[in-house]
Amino acid sequence: VMSAEEAKRAADRIGYPLMLKACAGGGGRGIRLIHSPDELEDN
């Protein structure tokens, strides 16, 4: 997802809670648990 706005639209389709993850790498980096729309933009 290339922007916070695109992420919000996708999150509405998937439903909360959801995980925000890095496309590359691993080791737990770039991962966030999102419970509500209010948390999405900053995360």
ModelCIF file with pLDDT and N, C-alpha, C, O atoms, coordinates in Angstrom:
data_MODEL
#
_entry.id   MODEL 
#
_entity.id                         1 
_entity.type                       polymer 
_entity.pdbx_number_of_molecules   1 
#
_entity_poly.entity_id                      1 
_entity_poly.type                           'polypeptide(L)' 
_entity_poly.nstd_linkage                   no 
_entity_poly.nstd_monomer                   no 
_entity_poly.pdbx_seq_one_letter_code       VMSAEEAKRAADRIGYPLMLKACAGGGGRGIRLIHSPDELEDN 
_entity_poly.pdbx_seq_one_letter_code_can   VMSAEEAKRAADRIGYPLMLKACAGGGGRGIRLIHSPDELEDN 
_entity_poly.pdbx_strand_id                 A 
#
loop_
_entity_poly_seq.entity_id 
_entity_poly_seq.num 
_entity_poly_seq.mon_id 
_entity_poly_seq.hetero 
1 1  VAL n 
1 2  MET n 
1 3  SER n 
1 4  ALA n 
1 5  GLU n 
1 6  GLU n 
1 7  ALA n 
1 8  LYS n 
1 9  ARG n 
1 10 ALA n 
1 11 ALA n 
1 12 ASP n 
1 13 ARG n 
1 14 ILE n 
1 15 GLY n 
1 16 TYR n 
1 17 PRO n 
1 18 LEU n 
1 19 MET n 
1 20 LEU n 
1 21 LYS n 
1 22 ALA n 
1 23 CYS n 
1 24 ALA n 
1 25 GLY n 
1 26 GLY n 
1 27 GLY n 
1 28 GLY n 
1 29 ARG n 
1 30 GLY n 
1 31 ILE n 
1 32 ARG n 
1 33 LEU n 
1 34 ILE n 
1 35 HIS n 
1 36 SER n 
1 37 PRO n 
1 38 ASP n 
1 39 GLU n 
1 40 LEU n 
1 41 GLU n 
1 42 ASP n 
1 43 ASN n 
#
_struct_asym.id          A 
_struct_asym.entity_id   1 
#
loop_
_ma_qa_metric.id 
_ma_qa_metric.mode 
_ma_qa_metric.name 
_ma_qa_metric.software_group_id 
_ma_qa_metric.type 
1 global pLDDT . pLDDT 
2 local  pLDDT . pLDDT 
#
_ma_qa_metric_global.metric_id      1 
_ma_qa_metric_global.metric_value   88.33 
_ma_qa_metric_global.model_id       1 
_ma_qa_metric_global.ordinal_id     1 
#
loop_
_ma_qa_metric_local.label_asym_id 
_ma_qa_metric_local.label_comp_id 
_ma_qa_metric_local.label_seq_id 
_ma_qa_metric_local.metric_id 
_ma_qa_metric_local.metric_value 
_ma_qa_metric_local.model_id 
_ma_qa_metric_local.ordinal_id 
A VAL 1  2 92.00 1 1  
A MET 2  2 93.00 1 2  
A SER 3  2 92.00 1 3  
A ALA 4  2 90.00 1 4  
A GLU 5  2 92.00 1 5  
A GLU 6  2 94.00 1 6  
A ALA 7  2 93.00 1 7  
A LYS 8  2 92.00 1 8  
A ARG 9  2 93.00 1 9  
A ALA 10 2 92.00 1 10 
A ALA 11 2 93.00 1 11 
A ASP 12 2 93.00 1 12 
A ARG 13 2 93.00 1 13 
A ILE 14 2 92.00 1 14 
A GLY 15 2 93.00 1 15 
A TYR 16 2 94.00 1 16 
A PRO 17 2 94.00 1 17 
A LEU 18 2 94.00 1 18 
A MET 19 2 92.00 1 19 
A LEU 20 2 92.00 1 20 
A LYS 21 2 90.00 1 21 
A ALA 22 2 88.00 1 22 
A CYS 23 2 85.00 1 23 
A ALA 24 2 76.00 1 24 
A GLY 25 2 64.00 1 25 
A GLY 26 2 65.00 1 26 
A GLY 27 2 63.00 1 27 
A GLY 28 2 69.00 1 28 
A ARG 29 2 76.00 1 29 
A GLY 30 2 80.00 1 30 
A ILE 31 2 88.00 1 31 
A ARG 32 2 91.00 1 32 
A LEU 33 2 92.00 1 33 
A ILE 34 2 94.00 1 34 
A HIS 35 2 93.00 1 35 
A SER 36 2 92.00 1 36 
A PRO 37 2 92.00 1 37 
A ASP 38 2 91.00 1 38 
A GLU 39 2 93.00 1 39 
A LEU 40 2 92.00 1 40 
A GLU 41 2 89.00 1 41 
A ASP 42 2 90.00 1 42 
A ASN 43 2 92.00 1 43 
#
loop_
_atom_site.group_PDB 
_atom_site.id 
_atom_site.type_symbol 
_atom_site.label_atom_id 
_atom_site.label_alt_id 
_atom_site.label_comp_id 
_atom_site.label_asym_id 
_atom_site.label_entity_id 
_atom_site.label_seq_id 
_atom_site.pdbx_PDB_ins_code 
_atom_site.Cartn_x 
_atom_site.Cartn_y 
_atom_site.Cartn_z 
_atom_site.occupancy 
_atom_site.B_iso_or_equiv 
_atom_site.pdbx_formal_charge 
_atom_site.auth_seq_id 
_atom_site.auth_comp_id 
_atom_site.auth_asym_id 
_atom_site.auth_atom_id 
_atom_site.pdbx_PDB_model_num 
ATOM 1   N N  . VAL A 1 1  ? 0.866   -1.182  0.000  1.00 92.00 ? 1  VAL A N  1 
ATOM 2   C CA . VAL A 1 1  ? 0.000   0.000   0.000  1.00 92.00 ? 1  VAL A CA 1 
ATOM 3   C C  . VAL A 1 1  ? 0.900   1.229   0.000  1.00 92.00 ? 1  VAL A C  1 
ATOM 4   O O  . VAL A 1 1  ? 1.788   1.349   0.844  1.00 92.00 ? 1  VAL A O  1 
ATOM 5   N N  . MET A 1 2  ? 0.677   2.136   -0.936 1.00 93.00 ? 2  MET A N  1 
ATOM 6   C CA . MET A 1 2  ? 1.651   3.190   -1.207 1.00 93.00 ? 2  MET A CA 1 
ATOM 7   C C  . MET A 1 2  ? 1.397   4.494   -0.468 1.00 93.00 ? 2  MET A C  1 
ATOM 8   O O  . MET A 1 2  ? 2.177   5.439   -0.588 1.00 93.00 ? 2  MET A O  1 
ATOM 9   N N  . SER A 1 3  ? 0.306   4.552   0.298  1.00 92.00 ? 3  SER A N  1 
ATOM 10  C CA . SER A 1 3  ? 0.025   5.763   1.074  1.00 92.00 ? 3  SER A CA 1 
ATOM 11  C C  . SER A 1 3  ? -0.864  5.393   2.252  1.00 92.00 ? 3  SER A C  1 
ATOM 12  O O  . SER A 1 3  ? -1.483  4.330   2.277  1.00 92.00 ? 3  SER A O  1 
ATOM 13  N N  . ALA A 1 4  ? -0.912  6.301   3.233  1.00 90.00 ? 4  ALA A N  1 
ATOM 14  C CA . ALA A 1 4  ? -1.773  6.076   4.395  1.00 90.00 ? 4  ALA A CA 1 
ATOM 15  C C  . ALA A 1 4  ? -3.240  6.024   3.983  1.00 90.00 ? 4  ALA A C  1 
ATOM 16  O O  . ALA A 1 4  ? -4.020  5.269   4.563  1.00 90.00 ? 4  ALA A O  1 
ATOM 17  N N  . GLU A 1 5  ? -3.618  6.818   2.990  1.00 92.00 ? 5  GLU A N  1 
ATOM 18  C CA . GLU A 1 5  ? -5.007  6.812   2.525  1.00 92.00 ? 5  GLU A CA 1 
ATOM 19  C C  . GLU A 1 5  ? -5.361  5.483   1.876  1.00 92.00 ? 5  GLU A C  1 
ATOM 20  O O  . GLU A 1 5  ? -6.440  4.940   2.111  1.00 92.00 ? 5  GLU A O  1 
ATOM 21  N N  . GLU A 1 6  ? -4.456  4.961   1.063  1.00 94.00 ? 6  GLU A N  1 
ATOM 22  C CA . GLU A 1 6  ? -4.690  3.653   0.446  1.00 94.00 ? 6  GLU A CA 1 
ATOM 23  C C  . GLU A 1 6  ? -4.772  2.568   1.522  1.00 94.00 ? 6  GLU A C  1 
ATOM 24  O O  . GLU A 1 6  ? -5.579  1.643   1.421  1.00 94.00 ? 6  GLU A O  1 
ATOM 25  N N  . ALA A 1 7  ? -3.936  2.690   2.545  1.00 93.00 ? 7  ALA A N  1 
ATOM 26  C CA . ALA A 1 7  ? -3.962  1.727   3.638  1.00 93.00 ? 7  ALA A CA 1 
ATOM 27  C C  . ALA A 1 7  ? -5.299  1.763   4.368  1.00 93.00 ? 7  ALA A C  1 
ATOM 28  O O  . ALA A 1 7  ? -5.834  0.719   4.740  1.00 93.00 ? 7  ALA A O  1 
ATOM 29  N N  . LYS A 1 8  ? -5.840  2.963   4.575  1.00 92.00 ? 8  LYS A N  1 
ATOM 30  C CA . LYS A 1 8  ? -7.125  3.093   5.262  1.00 92.00 ? 8  LYS A CA 1 
ATOM 31  C C  . LYS A 1 8  ? -8.248  2.436   4.467  1.00 92.00 ? 8  LYS A C  1 
ATOM 32  O O  . LYS A 1 8  ? -9.093  1.746   5.036  1.00 92.00 ? 8  LYS A O  1 
ATOM 33  N N  . ARG A 1 9  ? -8.258  2.649   3.163  1.00 93.00 ? 9  ARG A N  1 
ATOM 34  C CA . ARG A 1 9  ? -9.306  2.043   2.327  1.00 93.00 ? 9  ARG A CA 1 
ATOM 35  C C  . ARG A 1 9  ? -9.201  0.515   2.366  1.00 93.00 ? 9  ARG A C  1 
ATOM 36  O O  . ARG A 1 9  ? -10.208 -0.188  2.461  1.00 93.00 ? 9  ARG A O  1 
ATOM 37  N N  . ALA A 1 10 ? -7.967  0.019   2.291  1.00 92.00 ? 10 ALA A N  1 
ATOM 38  C CA . ALA A 1 10 ? -7.769  -1.432  2.332  1.00 92.00 ? 10 ALA A CA 1 
ATOM 39  C C  . ALA A 1 10 ? -8.150  -2.001  3.694  1.00 92.00 ? 10 ALA A C  1 
ATOM 40  O O  . ALA A 1 10 ? -8.722  -3.087  3.784  1.00 92.00 ? 10 ALA A O  1 
ATOM 41  N N  . ALA A 1 11 ? -7.830  -1.260  4.750  1.00 93.00 ? 11 ALA A N  1 
ATOM 42  C CA . ALA A 1 11 ? -8.149  -1.724  6.105  1.00 93.00 ? 11 ALA A CA 1 
ATOM 43  C C  . ALA A 1 11 ? -9.658  -1.834  6.307  1.00 93.00 ? 11 ALA A C  1 
ATOM 44  O O  . ALA A 1 11 ? -10.132 -2.746  6.986  1.00 93.00 ? 11 ALA A O  1 
ATOM 45  N N  . ASP A 1 12 ? -10.399 -0.919  5.727  1.00 93.00 ? 12 ASP A N  1 
ATOM 46  C CA . ASP A 1 12 ? -11.858 -0.979  5.834  1.00 93.00 ? 12 ASP A CA 1 
ATOM 47  C C  . ASP A 1 12 ? -12.408 -2.241  5.175  1.00 93.00 ? 12 ASP A C  1 
ATOM 48  O O  . ASP A 1 12 ? -13.396 -2.811  5.636  1.00 93.00 ? 12 ASP A O  1 
ATOM 49  N N  . ARG A 1 13 ? -11.759 -2.671  4.093  1.00 93.00 ? 13 ARG A N  1 
ATOM 50  C CA . ARG A 1 13 ? -12.203 -3.897  3.414  1.00 93.00 ? 13 ARG A CA 1 
ATOM 51  C C  . ARG A 1 13 ? -11.846 -5.147  4.223  1.00 93.00 ? 13 ARG A C  1 
ATOM 52  O O  . ARG A 1 13 ? -12.645 -6.077  4.332  1.00 93.00 ? 13 ARG A O  1 
ATOM 53  N N  . ILE A 1 14 ? -10.623 -5.152  4.794  1.00 92.00 ? 14 ILE A N  1 
ATOM 54  C CA . ILE A 1 14 ? -10.149 -6.335  5.521  1.00 92.00 ? 14 ILE A CA 1 
ATOM 55  C C  . ILE A 1 14 ? -10.818 -6.443  6.876  1.00 92.00 ? 14 ILE A C  1 
ATOM 56  O O  . ILE A 1 14 ? -11.201 -7.531  7.305  1.00 92.00 ? 14 ILE A O  1 
ATOM 57  N N  . GLY A 1 15 ? -10.958 -5.301  7.554  1.00 93.00 ? 15 GLY A N  1 
ATOM 58  C CA . GLY A 1 15 ? -11.523 -5.274  8.897  1.00 93.00 ? 15 GLY A CA 1 
ATOM 59  C C  . GLY A 1 15 ? -10.445 -5.275  9.964  1.00 93.00 ? 15 GLY A C  1 
ATOM 60  O O  . GLY A 1 15 ? -9.381  -5.871  9.793  1.00 93.00 ? 15 GLY A O  1 
ATOM 61  N N  . TYR A 1 16 ? -10.733 -4.602  11.064 1.00 94.00 ? 16 TYR A N  1 
ATOM 62  C CA . TYR A 1 16 ? -9.804  -4.518  12.199 1.00 94.00 ? 16 TYR A CA 1 
ATOM 63  C C  . TYR A 1 16 ? -10.094 -5.651  13.180 1.00 94.00 ? 16 TYR A C  1 
ATOM 64  O O  . TYR A 1 16 ? -11.210 -6.168  13.219 1.00 94.00 ? 16 TYR A O  1 
ATOM 65  N N  . PRO A 1 17 ? -9.079  -6.044  13.983 1.00 94.00 ? 17 PRO A N  1 
ATOM 66  C CA . PRO A 1 17 ? -7.677  -5.609  13.984 1.00 94.00 ? 17 PRO A CA 1 
ATOM 67  C C  . PRO A 1 17 ? -6.921  -6.210  12.800 1.00 94.00 ? 17 PRO A C  1 
ATOM 68  O O  . PRO A 1 17 ? -7.348  -7.202  12.209 1.00 94.00 ? 17 PRO A O  1 
ATOM 69  N N  . LEU A 1 18 ? -5.787  -5.585  12.468 1.00 94.00 ? 18 LEU A N  1 
ATOM 70  C CA . LEU A 1 18 ? -4.959  -6.069  11.365 1.00 94.00 ? 18 LEU A CA 1 
ATOM 71  C C  . LEU A 1 18 ? -3.494  -5.769  11.643 1.00 94.00 ? 18 LEU A C  1 
ATOM 72  O O  . LEU A 1 18 ? -3.148  -5.014  12.551 1.00 94.00 ? 18 LEU A O  1 
ATOM 73  N N  . MET A 1 19 ? -2.640  -6.392  10.822 1.00 92.00 ? 19 MET A N  1 
ATOM 74  C CA . MET A 1 19 ? -1.200  -6.197  10.962 1.00 92.00 ? 19 MET A CA 1 
ATOM 75  C C  . MET A 1 19 ? -0.680  -5.369  9.794  1.00 92.00 ? 19 MET A C  1 
ATOM 76  O O  . MET A 1 19 ? -1.080  -5.561  8.646  1.00 92.00 ? 19 MET A O  1 
ATOM 77  N N  . LEU A 1 20 ? 0.221   -4.446  10.115 1.00 92.00 ? 20 LEU A N  1 
ATOM 78  C CA . LEU A 1 20 ? 0.930   -3.657  9.112  1.00 92.00 ? 20 LEU A CA 1 
ATOM 79  C C  . LEU A 1 20 ? 2.356   -4.199  9.084  1.00 92.00 ? 20 LEU A C  1 
ATOM 80  O O  . LEU A 1 20 ? 3.042   -4.194  10.106 1.00 92.00 ? 20 LEU A O  1 
ATOM 81  N N  . LYS A 1 21 ? 2.809   -4.673  7.902  1.00 90.00 ? 21 LYS A N  1 
ATOM 82  C CA . LYS A 1 21 ? 4.096   -5.359  7.831  1.00 90.00 ? 21 LYS A CA 1 
ATOM 83  C C  . LYS A 1 21 ? 4.957   -4.843  6.684  1.00 90.00 ? 21 LYS A C  1 
ATOM 84  O O  . LYS A 1 21 ? 4.451   -4.393  5.656  1.00 90.00 ? 21 LYS A O  1 
ATOM 85  N N  . ALA A 1 22 ? 6.284   -4.921  6.887  1.00 88.00 ? 22 ALA A N  1 
ATOM 86  C CA . ALA A 1 22 ? 7.228   -4.558  5.829  1.00 88.00 ? 22 ALA A CA 1 
ATOM 87  C C  . ALA A 1 22 ? 7.207   -5.616  4.735  1.00 88.00 ? 22 ALA A C  1 
ATOM 88  O O  . ALA A 1 22 ? 7.177   -6.812  5.025  1.00 88.00 ? 22 ALA A O  1 
ATOM 89  N N  . CYS A 1 23 ? 7.224   -5.179  3.479  1.00 85.00 ? 23 CYS A N  1 
ATOM 90  C CA . CYS A 1 23 ? 7.254   -6.122  2.353  1.00 85.00 ? 23 CYS A CA 1 
ATOM 91  C C  . CYS A 1 23 ? 8.589   -6.845  2.256  1.00 85.00 ? 23 CYS A C  1 
ATOM 92  O O  . CYS A 1 23 ? 8.643   -7.987  1.799  1.00 85.00 ? 23 CYS A O  1 
ATOM 93  N N  . ALA A 1 24 ? 9.659   -6.198  2.678  1.00 76.00 ? 24 ALA A N  1 
ATOM 94  C CA . ALA A 1 24 ? 10.993  -6.791  2.631  1.00 76.00 ? 24 ALA A CA 1 
ATOM 95  C C  . ALA A 1 24 ? 11.482  -7.042  4.053  1.00 76.00 ? 24 ALA A C  1 
ATOM 96  O O  . ALA A 1 24 ? 10.944  -6.497  5.017  1.00 76.00 ? 24 ALA A O  1 
ATOM 97  N N  . GLY A 1 25 ? 12.519  -7.884  4.161  1.00 64.00 ? 25 GLY A N  1 
ATOM 98  C CA . GLY A 1 25 ? 13.159  -8.086  5.451  1.00 64.00 ? 25 GLY A CA 1 
ATOM 99  C C  . GLY A 1 25 ? 12.399  -9.006  6.371  1.00 64.00 ? 25 GLY A C  1 
ATOM 100 O O  . GLY A 1 25 ? 11.528  -9.758  5.933  1.00 64.00 ? 25 GLY A O  1 
ATOM 101 N N  . GLY A 1 26 ? 12.730  -8.946  7.660  1.00 65.00 ? 26 GLY A N  1 
ATOM 102 C CA . GLY A 1 26 ? 12.137  -9.827  8.652  1.00 65.00 ? 26 GLY A CA 1 
ATOM 103 C C  . GLY A 1 26 ? 12.663  -9.484  10.024 1.00 65.00 ? 26 GLY A C  1 
ATOM 104 O O  . GLY A 1 26 ? 13.057  -8.348  10.287 1.00 65.00 ? 26 GLY A O  1 
ATOM 105 N N  . GLY A 1 27 ? 12.666  -10.491 10.910 1.00 63.00 ? 27 GLY A N  1 
ATOM 106 C CA . GLY A 1 27 ? 13.184  -10.276 12.255 1.00 63.00 ? 27 GLY A CA 1 
ATOM 107 C C  . GLY A 1 27 ? 12.320  -9.371  13.110 1.00 63.00 ? 27 GLY A C  1 
ATOM 108 O O  . GLY A 1 27 ? 12.799  -8.791  14.084 1.00 63.00 ? 27 GLY A O  1 
ATOM 109 N N  . GLY A 1 28 ? 11.029  -9.244  12.748 1.00 69.00 ? 28 GLY A N  1 
ATOM 110 C CA . GLY A 1 28 ? 10.120  -8.447  13.564 1.00 69.00 ? 28 GLY A CA 1 
ATOM 111 C C  . GLY A 1 28 ? 10.190  -6.952  13.312 1.00 69.00 ? 28 GLY A C  1 
ATOM 112 O O  . GLY A 1 28 ? 9.530   -6.183  14.012 1.00 69.00 ? 28 GLY A O  1 
ATOM 113 N N  . ARG A 1 29 ? 10.976  -6.519  12.325 1.00 76.00 ? 29 ARG A N  1 
ATOM 114 C CA . ARG A 1 29 ? 11.106  -5.095  12.048 1.00 76.00 ? 29 ARG A CA 1 
ATOM 115 C C  . ARG A 1 29 ? 9.999   -4.626  11.106 1.00 76.00 ? 29 ARG A C  1 
ATOM 116 O O  . ARG A 1 29 ? 9.586   -5.360  10.209 1.00 76.00 ? 29 ARG A O  1 
ATOM 117 N N  . GLY A 1 30 ? 9.527   -3.406  11.315 1.00 80.00 ? 30 GLY A N  1 
ATOM 118 C CA . GLY A 1 30 ? 8.513   -2.829  10.438 1.00 80.00 ? 30 GLY A CA 1 
ATOM 119 C C  . GLY A 1 30 ? 7.143   -3.452  10.598 1.00 80.00 ? 30 GLY A C  1 
ATOM 120 O O  . GLY A 1 30 ? 6.368   -3.478  9.642  1.00 80.00 ? 30 GLY A O  1 
ATOM 121 N N  . ILE A 1 31 ? 6.823   -3.955  11.782 1.00 88.00 ? 31 ILE A N  1 
ATOM 122 C CA . ILE A 1 31 ? 5.535   -4.599  12.044 1.00 88.00 ? 31 ILE A CA 1 
ATOM 123 C C  . ILE A 1 31 ? 4.758   -3.802  13.084 1.00 88.00 ? 31 ILE A C  1 
ATOM 124 O O  . ILE A 1 31 ? 5.313   -3.386  14.102 1.00 88.00 ? 31 ILE A O  1 
ATOM 125 N N  . ARG A 1 32 ? 3.468   -3.591  12.822 1.00 91.00 ? 32 ARG A N  1 
ATOM 126 C CA . ARG A 1 32 ? 2.594   -2.895  13.762 1.00 91.00 ? 32 ARG A CA 1 
ATOM 127 C C  . ARG A 1 32 ? 1.231   -3.593  13.823 1.00 91.00 ? 32 ARG A C  1 
ATOM 128 O O  . ARG A 1 32 ? 0.698   -4.015  12.796 1.00 91.00 ? 32 ARG A O  1 
ATOM 129 N N  . LEU A 1 33 ? 0.674   -3.712  15.031 1.00 92.00 ? 33 LEU A N  1 
ATOM 130 C CA . LEU A 1 33 ? -0.683  -4.209  15.213 1.00 92.00 ? 33 LEU A CA 1 
ATOM 131 C C  . LEU A 1 33 ? -1.620  -3.010  15.306 1.00 92.00 ? 33 LEU A C  1 
ATOM 132 O O  . LEU A 1 33 ? -1.433  -2.130  16.147 1.00 92.00 ? 33 LEU A O  1 
ATOM 133 N N  . ILE A 1 34 ? -2.622  -2.981  14.444 1.00 94.00 ? 34 ILE A N  1 
ATOM 134 C CA . ILE A 1 34 ? -3.544  -1.849  14.355 1.00 94.00 ? 34 ILE A CA 1 
ATOM 135 C C  . ILE A 1 34 ? -4.939  -2.297  14.793 1.00 94.00 ? 34 ILE A C  1 
ATOM 136 O O  . ILE A 1 34 ? -5.511  -3.223  14.219 1.00 94.00 ? 34 ILE A O  1 
ATOM 137 N N  . HIS A 1 35 ? -5.477  -1.631  15.813 1.00 93.00 ? 35 HIS A N  1 
ATOM 138 C CA . HIS A 1 35 ? -6.792  -2.012  16.336 1.00 93.00 ? 35 HIS A CA 1 
ATOM 139 C C  . HIS A 1 35 ? -7.930  -1.179  15.769 1.00 93.00 ? 35 HIS A C  1 
ATOM 140 O O  . HIS A 1 35 ? -9.075  -1.632  15.736 1.00 93.00 ? 35 HIS A O  1 
ATOM 141 N N  . SER A 1 36 ? -7.623  0.041   15.321 1.00 92.00 ? 36 SER A N  1 
ATOM 142 C CA . SER A 1 36 ? -8.694  0.936   14.868 1.00 92.00 ? 36 SER A CA 1 
ATOM 143 C C  . SER A 1 36 ? -8.156  1.915   13.826 1.00 92.00 ? 36 SER A C  1 
ATOM 144 O O  . SER A 1 36 ? -6.942  2.084   13.709 1.00 92.00 ? 36 SER A O  1 
ATOM 145 N N  . PRO A 1 37 ? -9.055  2.571   13.057 1.00 92.00 ? 37 PRO A N  1 
ATOM 146 C CA . PRO A 1 37 ? -8.615  3.542   12.046 1.00 92.00 ? 37 PRO A CA 1 
ATOM 147 C C  . PRO A 1 37 ? -7.771  4.668   12.625 1.00 92.00 ? 37 PRO A C  1 
ATOM 148 O O  . PRO A 1 37 ? -6.887  5.190   11.947 1.00 92.00 ? 37 PRO A O  1 
ATOM 149 N N  . ASP A 1 38 ? -8.036  5.047   13.878 1.00 91.00 ? 38 ASP A N  1 
ATOM 150 C CA . ASP A 1 38 ? -7.294  6.147   14.494 1.00 91.00 ? 38 ASP A CA 1 
ATOM 151 C C  . ASP A 1 38 ? -5.801  5.849   14.628 1.00 91.00 ? 38 ASP A C  1 
ATOM 152 O O  . ASP A 1 38 ? -4.982  6.768   14.649 1.00 91.00 ? 38 ASP A O  1 
ATOM 153 N N  . GLU A 1 39 ? -5.451  4.578   14.717 1.00 93.00 ? 39 GLU A N  1 
ATOM 154 C CA . GLU A 1 39 ? -4.056  4.188   14.919 1.00 93.00 ? 39 GLU A CA 1 
ATOM 155 C C  . GLU A 1 39 ? -3.286  4.038   13.611 1.00 93.00 ? 39 GLU A C  1 
ATOM 156 O O  . GLU A 1 39 ? -2.059  3.939   13.610 1.00 93.00 ? 39 GLU A O  1 
ATOM 157 N N  . LEU A 1 40 ? -4.021  4.023   12.494 1.00 92.00 ? 40 LEU A N  1 
ATOM 158 C CA . LEU A 1 40 ? -3.388  3.588   11.249 1.00 92.00 ? 40 LEU A CA 1 
ATOM 159 C C  . LEU A 1 40 ? -2.382  4.585   10.687 1.00 92.00 ? 40 LEU A C  1 
ATOM 160 O O  . LEU A 1 40 ? -1.282  4.185   10.305 1.00 92.00 ? 40 LEU A O  1 
ATOM 161 N N  . GLU A 1 41 ? -2.719  5.863   10.626 1.00 89.00 ? 41 GLU A N  1 
ATOM 162 C CA . GLU A 1 41 ? -1.857  6.819   9.926  1.00 89.00 ? 41 GLU A CA 1 
ATOM 163 C C  . GLU A 1 41 ? -0.479  6.940   10.564 1.00 89.00 ? 41 GLU A C  1 
ATOM 164 O O  . GLU A 1 41 ? 0.533   6.846   9.869  1.00 89.00 ? 41 GLU A O  1 
ATOM 165 N N  . ASP A 1 42 ? -0.427  7.150   11.889 1.00 90.00 ? 42 ASP A N  1 
ATOM 166 C CA . ASP A 1 42 ? 0.864   7.287   12.561 1.00 90.00 ? 42 ASP A CA 1 
ATOM 167 C C  . ASP A 1 42 ? 1.687   6.012   12.447 1.00 90.00 ? 42 ASP A C  1 
ATOM 168 O O  . ASP A 1 42 ? 2.895   6.060   12.215 1.00 90.00 ? 42 ASP A O  1 
ATOM 169 N N  . ASN A 1 43 ? 1.022   4.869   12.611 1.00 92.00 ? 43 ASN A N  1 
ATOM 170 C CA . ASN A 1 43 ? 1.736   3.594   12.529 1.00 92.00 ? 43 ASN A CA 1 
ATOM 171 C C  . ASN A 1 43 ? 2.219   3.312   11.114 1.00 92.00 ? 43 ASN A C  1 
ATOM 172 O O  . ASN A 1 43 ? 2.841   2.278   10.868 1.00 92.00 ? 43 ASN A O  1 
#
